Amino acid sequence: MNKTTATGEIRTDRDVDYSGLPIDKWAETVINIDGEELVMEVSFEDKVIVALMAGEDAVWKGTLEGLKMLLRGEIKAR
């Protein structure tokens, strides 16, 4: 059984905050910029899985640990 606990929070520069949103299995954030979507999806399976999408042709998906390694420059995106 998955013991991951999570809550969501969204903040904007217009002093609009939503916090404490309960998450059981997955969450997704979508920001539409001039008709193009920037999406972050997180799912809680055996490991935390993260997917980042900028439009339809720029996608990265992997574990949370893999994302940390990518951002630290320890691995390269495919």
PDB file of N, CA and C in Angstrom:
ATOM      1  N   MET A   1       0.839  -1.186   0.000  1.00  0.00           N
ATOM      2  CA  MET A   1       0.000   0.000   0.000  1.00  0.00           C
ATOM      3  C   MET A   1       0.883   1.248   0.000  1.00  0.00           C
ATOM      4  N   ASN A   2       0.497   2.221  -0.783  1.00  0.00           N
ATOM      5  CA  ASN A   2       1.256   3.462  -0.898  1.00  0.00           C
ATOM      6  C   ASN A   2       1.071   4.311   0.362  1.00  0.00           C
ATOM      7  N   LYS A   3       2.173   4.744   0.951  1.00  0.00           N
ATOM      8  CA  LYS A   3       2.106   5.570   2.157  1.00  0.00           C
ATOM      9  C   LYS A   3       2.471   7.019   1.873  1.00  0.00           C
ATOM     10  N   THR A   4       2.560   7.385   0.585  1.00  0.00           N
ATOM     11  CA  THR A   4       2.872   8.758   0.217  1.00  0.00           C
ATOM     12  C   THR A   4       1.705   9.662   0.579  1.00  0.00           C
ATOM     13  N   THR A   5       1.994  10.774   1.211  1.00  0.00           N
ATOM     14  CA  THR A   5       0.966  11.766   1.492  1.00  0.00           C
ATOM     15  C   THR A   5       1.325  13.039   0.740  1.00  0.00           C
ATOM     16  N   ALA A   6       0.334  13.732   0.225  1.00  0.00           N
ATOM     17  CA  ALA A   6       0.602  14.932  -0.550  1.00  0.00           C
ATOM     18  C   ALA A   6      -0.562  15.894  -0.459  1.00  0.00           C
ATOM     19  N   THR A   7      -0.253  17.158  -0.564  1.00  0.00           N
ATOM     20  CA  THR A   7      -1.265  18.198  -0.706  1.00  0.00           C
ATOM     21  C   THR A   7      -0.803  19.119  -1.822  1.00  0.00           C
ATOM     22  N   GLY A   8      -1.742  19.774  -2.462  1.00  0.00           N
ATOM     23  CA  GLY A   8      -1.420  20.682  -3.551  1.00  0.00           C
ATOM     24  C   GLY A   8      -1.550  22.127  -3.119  1.00  0.00           C
ATOM     25  N   GLU A   9      -0.787  22.974  -3.791  1.00  0.00           N
ATOM     26  CA  GLU A   9      -0.835  24.404  -3.520  1.00  0.00           C
ATOM     27  C   GLU A   9      -0.596  25.139  -4.829  1.00  0.00           C
ATOM     28  N   ILE A  10      -1.392  26.140  -5.101  1.00  0.00           N
ATOM     29  CA  ILE A  10      -1.237  26.970  -6.285  1.00  0.00           C
ATOM     30  C   ILE A  10      -1.201  28.418  -5.819  1.00  0.00           C
ATOM     31  N   ARG A  11      -0.222  29.178  -6.317  1.00  0.00           N
ATOM     32  CA  ARG A  11      -0.099  30.596  -5.961  1.00  0.00           C
ATOM     33  C   ARG A  11       0.099  31.402  -7.230  1.00  0.00           C
ATOM     34  N   THR A  12      -0.448  32.606  -7.257  1.00  0.00           N
ATOM     35  CA  THR A  12      -0.211  33.495  -8.390  1.00  0.00           C
ATOM     36  C   THR A  12       0.198  34.872  -7.879  1.00  0.00           C
ATOM     37  N   ASP A  13       0.684  35.687  -8.803  1.00  0.00           N
ATOM     38  CA  ASP A  13       1.091  37.046  -8.448  1.00  0.00           C
ATOM     39  C   ASP A  13      -0.100  37.978  -8.204  1.00  0.00           C
ATOM     40  N   ARG A  14      -1.301  37.490  -8.398  1.00  0.00           N
ATOM     41  CA  ARG A  14      -2.496  38.295  -8.165  1.00  0.00           C
ATOM     42  C   ARG A  14      -3.078  38.018  -6.783  1.00  0.00           C
ATOM     43  N   ASP A  15      -2.241  37.562  -5.881  1.00  0.00           N
ATOM     44  CA  ASP A  15      -2.657  37.264  -4.508  1.00  0.00           C
ATOM     45  C   ASP A  15      -3.803  36.261  -4.449  1.00  0.00           C
ATOM     46  N   VAL A  16      -3.759  35.270  -5.330  1.00  0.00           N
ATOM     47  CA  VAL A  16      -4.726  34.176  -5.314  1.00  0.00           C
ATOM     48  C   VAL A  16      -3.966  32.925  -4.897  1.00  0.00           C
ATOM     49  N   ASP A  17      -4.355  32.340  -3.800  1.00  0.00           N
ATOM     50  CA  ASP A  17      -3.707  31.133  -3.290  1.00  0.00           C
ATOM     51  C   ASP A  17      -4.762  30.068  -3.016  1.00  0.00           C
ATOM     52  N   TYR A  18      -4.457  28.857  -3.446  1.00  0.00           N
ATOM     53  CA  TYR A  18      -5.233  27.685  -3.057  1.00  0.00           C
ATOM     54  C   TYR A  18      -4.247  26.730  -2.427  1.00  0.00           C
ATOM     55  N   SER A  19      -4.490  26.312  -1.213  1.00  0.00           N
ATOM     56  CA  SER A  19      -3.552  25.394  -0.568  1.00  0.00           C
ATOM     57  C   SER A  19      -4.318  24.335   0.203  1.00  0.00           C
ATOM     58  N   GLY A  20      -3.605  23.260   0.504  1.00  0.00           N
ATOM     59  CA  GLY A  20      -4.196  22.171   1.253  1.00  0.00           C
ATOM     60  C   GLY A  20      -5.112  21.291   0.421  1.00  0.00           C
ATOM     61  N   LEU A  21      -4.971  21.348  -0.915  1.00  0.00           N
ATOM     62  CA  LEU A  21      -5.798  20.501  -1.771  1.00  0.00           C
ATOM     63  C   LEU A  21      -5.370  19.052  -1.583  1.00  0.00           C
ATOM     64  N   PRO A  22      -6.252  18.155  -1.175  1.00  0.00           N
ATOM     65  CA  PRO A  22      -5.848  16.767  -0.916  1.00  0.00           C
ATOM     66  C   PRO A  22      -5.553  16.019  -2.210  1.00  0.00           C
ATOM     67  N   ILE A  23      -4.517  15.190  -2.183  1.00  0.00           N
ATOM     68  CA  ILE A  23      -4.125  14.380  -3.337  1.00  0.00           C
ATOM     69  C   ILE A  23      -4.005  12.937  -2.873  1.00  0.00           C
ATOM     70  N   ASP A  24      -4.703  12.035  -3.535  1.00  0.00           N
ATOM     71  CA  ASP A  24      -4.601  10.616  -3.204  1.00  0.00           C
ATOM     72  C   ASP A  24      -3.666   9.883  -4.161  1.00  0.00           C
ATOM     73  N   LYS A  25      -3.900   9.993  -5.485  1.00  0.00           N
ATOM     74  CA  LYS A  25      -3.126   9.206  -6.447  1.00  0.00           C
ATOM     75  C   LYS A  25      -2.411  10.027  -7.491  1.00  0.00           C
ATOM     76  N   TRP A  26      -2.936  11.188  -7.862  1.00  0.00           N
ATOM     77  CA  TRP A  26      -2.278  11.995  -8.880  1.00  0.00           C
ATOM     78  C   TRP A  26      -2.742  13.442  -8.789  1.00  0.00           C
ATOM     79  N   ALA A  27      -1.936  14.328  -9.379  1.00  0.00           N
ATOM     80  CA  ALA A  27      -2.278  15.747  -9.476  1.00  0.00           C
ATOM     81  C   ALA A  27      -1.692  16.285 -10.772  1.00  0.00           C
ATOM     82  N   GLU A  28      -2.341  17.308 -11.304  1.00  0.00           N
ATOM     83  CA  GLU A  28      -1.878  17.898 -12.553  1.00  0.00           C
ATOM     84  C   GLU A  28      -2.062  19.409 -12.472  1.00  0.00           C
ATOM     85  N   THR A  29      -1.060  20.136 -12.941  1.00  0.00           N
ATOM     86  CA  THR A  29      -1.136  21.579 -13.049  1.00  0.00           C
ATOM     87  C   THR A  29      -0.987  21.937 -14.513  1.00  0.00           C
ATOM     88  N   VAL A  30      -1.887  22.750 -15.027  1.00  0.00           N
ATOM     89  CA  VAL A  30      -1.845  23.174 -16.423  1.00  0.00           C
ATOM     90  C   VAL A  30      -1.855  24.693 -16.460  1.00  0.00           C
ATOM     91  N   ILE A  31      -0.869  25.268 -17.133  1.00  0.00           N
ATOM     92  CA  ILE A  31      -0.819  26.715 -17.346  1.00  0.00           C
ATOM     93  C   ILE A  31      -0.835  26.922 -18.849  1.00  0.00           C
ATOM     94  N   ASN A  32      -1.790  27.704 -19.324  1.00  0.00           N
ATOM     95  CA  ASN A  32      -1.931  27.971 -20.745  1.00  0.00           C
ATOM     96  C   ASN A  32      -1.287  29.315 -21.044  1.00  0.00           C
ATOM     97  N   ILE A  33      -0.266  29.307 -21.904  1.00  0.00           N
ATOM     98  CA  ILE A  33       0.471  30.520 -22.259  1.00  0.00           C
ATOM     99  C   ILE A  33       0.275  30.762 -23.750  1.00  0.00           C
ATOM    100  N   ASP A  34      -0.531  31.749 -24.090  1.00  0.00           N
ATOM    101  CA  ASP A  34      -0.803  32.082 -25.493  1.00  0.00           C
ATOM    102  C   ASP A  34      -1.193  30.849 -26.302  1.00  0.00           C
ATOM    103  N   GLY A  35      -2.046  30.000 -25.740  1.00  0.00           N
ATOM    104  CA  GLY A  35      -2.544  28.831 -26.444  1.00  0.00           C
ATOM    105  C   GLY A  35      -1.675  27.595 -26.343  1.00  0.00           C
ATOM    106  N   GLU A  36      -0.525  27.699 -25.713  1.00  0.00           N
ATOM    107  CA  GLU A  36       0.338  26.527 -25.525  1.00  0.00           C
ATOM    108  C   GLU A  36       0.322  26.130 -24.050  1.00  0.00           C
ATOM    109  N   GLU A  37       0.187  24.834 -23.796  1.00  0.00           N
ATOM    110  CA  GLU A  37       0.092  24.359 -22.421  1.00  0.00           C
ATOM    111  C   GLU A  37       1.443  23.970 -21.849  1.00  0.00           C
ATOM    112  N   LEU A  38       1.658  24.355 -20.614  1.00  0.00           N
ATOM    113  CA  LEU A  38       2.776  23.896 -19.799  1.00  0.00           C
ATOM    114  C   LEU A  38       2.141  23.059 -18.697  1.00  0.00           C
ATOM    115  N   VAL A  39       2.499  21.774 -18.625  1.00  0.00           N
ATOM    116  CA  VAL A  39       1.811  20.837 -17.741  1.00  0.00           C
ATOM    117  C   VAL A  39       2.821  20.130 -16.843  1.00  0.00           C
ATOM    118  N   MET A  40       2.485  19.993 -15.568  1.00  0.00           N
ATOM    119  CA  MET A  40       3.233  19.138 -14.659  1.00  0.00           C
ATOM    120  C   MET A  40       2.238  18.160 -14.056  1.00  0.00           C
ATOM    121  N   GLU A  41       2.529  16.890 -14.196  1.00  0.00           N
ATOM    122  CA  GLU A  41       1.680  15.837 -13.648  1.00  0.00           C
ATOM    123  C   GLU A  41       2.510  15.001 -12.686  1.00  0.00           C
ATOM    124  N   VAL A  42       1.944  14.687 -11.543  1.00  0.00           N
ATOM    125  CA  VAL A  42       2.617  13.867 -10.543  1.00  0.00           C
ATOM    126  C   VAL A  42       1.680  12.733 -10.174  1.00  0.00           C
ATOM    127  N   SER A  43       2.198  11.501 -10.181  1.00  0.00           N
ATOM    128  CA  SER A  43       1.385  10.363  -9.754  1.00  0.00           C
ATOM    129  C   SER A  43       2.146   9.593  -8.681  1.00  0.00           C
ATOM    130  N   PHE A  44       1.386   8.960  -7.829  1.00  0.00           N
ATOM    131  CA  PHE A  44       1.950   8.263  -6.688  1.00  0.00           C
ATOM    132  C   PHE A  44       1.695   6.782  -6.861  1.00  0.00           C
ATOM    133  N   GLU A  45       2.668   6.098  -7.418  1.00  0.00           N
ATOM    134  CA  GLU A  45       2.569   4.660  -7.622  1.00  0.00           C
ATOM    135  C   GLU A  45       3.534   4.016  -6.630  1.00  0.00           C
ATOM    136  N   ASP A  46       4.308   3.028  -7.058  1.00  0.00           N
ATOM    137  CA  ASP A  46       5.338   2.485  -6.171  1.00  0.00           C
ATOM    138  C   ASP A  46       6.375   3.549  -5.867  1.00  0.00           C
ATOM    139  N   LYS A  47       6.653   4.373  -6.877  1.00  0.00           N
ATOM    140  CA  LYS A  47       7.543   5.529  -6.734  1.00  0.00           C
ATOM    141  C   LYS A  47       6.768   6.752  -7.201  1.00  0.00           C
ATOM    142  N   VAL A  48       7.240   7.932  -6.821  1.00  0.00           N
ATOM    143  CA  VAL A  48       6.615   9.158  -7.308  1.00  0.00           C
ATOM    144  C   VAL A  48       7.067   9.365  -8.754  1.00  0.00           C
ATOM    145  N   ILE A  49       6.100   9.489  -9.673  1.00  0.00           N
ATOM    146  CA  ILE A  49       6.378   9.679 -11.085  1.00  0.00           C
ATOM    147  C   ILE A  49       6.010  11.112 -11.458  1.00  0.00           C
ATOM    148  N   VAL A  50       6.919  11.794 -12.180  1.00  0.00           N
ATOM    149  CA  VAL A  50       6.718  13.178 -12.582  1.00  0.00           C
ATOM    150  C   VAL A  50       6.741  13.246 -14.103  1.00  0.00           C
ATOM    151  N   ALA A  51       5.804  13.974 -14.687  1.00  0.00           N
ATOM    152  CA  ALA A  51       5.815  14.225 -16.121  1.00  0.00           C
ATOM    153  C   ALA A  51       5.744  15.738 -16.334  1.00  0.00           C
ATOM    154  N   LEU A  52       6.628  16.247 -17.186  1.00  0.00           N
ATOM    155  CA  LEU A  52       6.645  17.664 -17.548  1.00  0.00           C
ATOM    156  C   LEU A  52       6.417  17.763 -19.045  1.00  0.00           C
ATOM    157  N   MET A  53       5.496  18.628 -19.452  1.00  0.00           N
ATOM    158  CA  MET A  53       5.186  18.775 -20.866  1.00  0.00           C
ATOM    159  C   MET A  53       5.105  20.255 -21.212  1.00  0.00           C
ATOM    160  N   ALA A  54       5.807  20.651 -22.261  1.00  0.00           N
ATOM    161  CA  ALA A  54       5.724  22.007 -22.801  1.00  0.00           C
ATOM    162  C   ALA A  54       5.254  21.854 -24.240  1.00  0.00           C
ATOM    163  N   GLY A  55       3.959  21.991 -24.451  1.00  0.00           N
ATOM    164  CA  GLY A  55       3.394  21.706 -25.767  1.00  0.00           C
ATOM    165  C   GLY A  55       3.295  20.204 -25.966  1.00  0.00           C
ATOM    166  N   GLU A  56       3.084  19.781 -27.199  1.00  0.00           N
ATOM    167  CA  GLU A  56       2.887  18.365 -27.474  1.00  0.00           C
ATOM    168  C   GLU A  56       4.177  17.608 -27.763  1.00  0.00           C
ATOM    169  N   ASP A  57       5.235  18.315 -28.131  1.00  0.00           N
ATOM    170  CA  ASP A  57       6.439  17.602 -28.566  1.00  0.00           C
ATOM    171  C   ASP A  57       7.623  17.714 -27.611  1.00  0.00           C
ATOM    172  N   ALA A  58       7.441  18.350 -26.470  1.00  0.00           N
ATOM    173  CA  ALA A  58       8.520  18.449 -25.485  1.00  0.00           C
ATOM    174  C   ALA A  58       8.024  17.841 -24.177  1.00  0.00           C
ATOM    175  N   VAL A  59       8.416  16.579 -23.943  1.00  0.00           N
ATOM    176  CA  VAL A  59       7.897  15.836 -22.793  1.00  0.00           C
ATOM    177  C   VAL A  59       9.055  15.141 -22.077  1.00  0.00           C
ATOM    178  N   TRP A  60       9.028  15.185 -20.758  1.00  0.00           N
ATOM    179  CA  TRP A  60       9.953  14.397 -19.942  1.00  0.00           C
ATOM    180  C   TRP A  60       9.110  13.677 -18.900  1.00  0.00           C
ATOM    181  N   LYS A  61       9.402  12.396 -18.665  1.00  0.00           N
ATOM    182  CA  LYS A  61       8.685  11.631 -17.647  1.00  0.00           C
ATOM    183  C   LYS A  61       9.666  10.704 -16.960  1.00  0.00           C
ATOM    184  N   GLY A  62       9.595  10.670 -15.646  1.00  0.00           N
ATOM    185  CA  GLY A  62      10.459   9.783 -14.880  1.00  0.00           C
ATOM    186  C   GLY A  62      10.134   9.862 -13.406  1.00  0.00           C
ATOM    187  N   THR A  63      11.012   9.292 -12.595  1.00  0.00           N
ATOM    188  CA  THR A  63      10.801   9.315 -11.148  1.00  0.00           C
ATOM    189  C   THR A  63      11.190  10.668 -10.579  1.00  0.00           C
ATOM    190  N   LEU A  64      10.738  10.938  -9.370  1.00  0.00           N
ATOM    191  CA  LEU A  64      11.119  12.177  -8.691  1.00  0.00           C
ATOM    192  C   LEU A  64      12.631  12.232  -8.526  1.00  0.00           C
ATOM    193  N   GLU A  65      13.251  11.112  -8.174  1.00  0.00           N
ATOM    194  CA  GLU A  65      14.716  11.077  -8.031  1.00  0.00           C
ATOM    195  C   GLU A  65      15.387  11.361  -9.377  1.00  0.00           C
ATOM    196  N   GLY A  66      14.823  10.832 -10.477  1.00  0.00           N
ATOM    197  CA  GLY A  66      15.363  11.110 -11.804  1.00  0.00           C
ATOM    198  C   GLY A  66      15.269  12.585 -12.154  1.00  0.00           C
ATOM    199  N   LEU A  67      14.162  13.239 -11.796  1.00  0.00           N
ATOM    200  CA  LEU A  67      14.022  14.677 -12.041  1.00  0.00           C
ATOM    201  C   LEU A  67      15.074  15.459 -11.276  1.00  0.00           C
ATOM    202  N   LYS A  68      15.299  15.100 -10.020  1.00  0.00           N
ATOM    203  CA  LYS A  68      16.334  15.776  -9.230  1.00  0.00           C
ATOM    204  C   LYS A  68      17.702  15.611  -9.883  1.00  0.00           C
ATOM    205  N   MET A  69      18.003  14.403 -10.362  1.00  0.00           N
ATOM    206  CA  MET A  69      19.285  14.147 -11.019  1.00  0.00           C
ATOM    207  C   MET A  69      19.400  14.965 -12.312  1.00  0.00           C
ATOM    208  N   LEU A  70      18.304  15.068 -13.074  1.00  0.00           N
ATOM    209  CA  LEU A  70      18.292  15.862 -14.298  1.00  0.00           C
ATOM    210  C   LEU A  70      18.575  17.326 -13.998  1.00  0.00           C
ATOM    211  N   LEU A  71      17.922  17.871 -12.993  1.00  0.00           N
ATOM    212  CA  LEU A  71      18.105  19.284 -12.649  1.00  0.00           C
ATOM    213  C   LEU A  71      19.493  19.585 -12.088  1.00  0.00           C
ATOM    214  N   ARG A  72      20.113  18.597 -11.454  1.00  0.00           N
ATOM    215  CA  ARG A  72      21.480  18.773 -10.953  1.00  0.00           C
ATOM    216  C   ARG A  72      22.522  18.529 -12.053  1.00  0.00           C
ATOM    217  N   GLY A  73      22.074  18.131 -13.255  1.00  0.00           N
ATOM    218  CA  GLY A  73      22.985  17.883 -14.365  1.00  0.00           C
ATOM    219  C   GLY A  73      23.683  16.539 -14.286  1.00  0.00           C
ATOM    220  N   GLU A  74      23.197  15.627 -13.458  1.00  0.00           N
ATOM    221  CA  GLU A  74      23.818  14.319 -13.301  1.00  0.00           C
ATOM    222  C   GLU A  74      23.416  13.352 -14.406  1.00  0.00           C
ATOM    223  N   ILE A  75      22.260  13.619 -15.054  1.00  0.00           N
ATOM    224  CA  ILE A  75      21.826  12.816 -16.200  1.00  0.00           C
ATOM    225  C   ILE A  75      21.327  13.770 -17.267  1.00  0.00           C
ATOM    226  N   LYS A  76      21.248  13.273 -18.477  1.00  0.00           N
ATOM    227  CA  LYS A  76      20.723  14.100 -19.591  1.00  0.00           C
ATOM    228  C   LYS A  76      19.356  13.567 -20.000  1.00  0.00           C
ATOM    229  N   ALA A  77      18.506  14.483 -20.453  1.00  0.00           N
ATOM    230  CA  ALA A  77      17.184  14.094 -20.948  1.00  0.00           C
ATOM    231  C   ALA A  77      17.334  13.426 -22.297  1.00  0.00           C
ATOM    232  N   ARG A  78      16.447  12.493 -22.596  1.00  0.00           N
ATOM    233  CA  ARG A  78      16.466  11.820 -23.902  1.00  0.00           C
ATOM    234  C   ARG A  78      15.540  12.491 -24.860  1.00  0.00           C
TER     235      ARG A  78
END
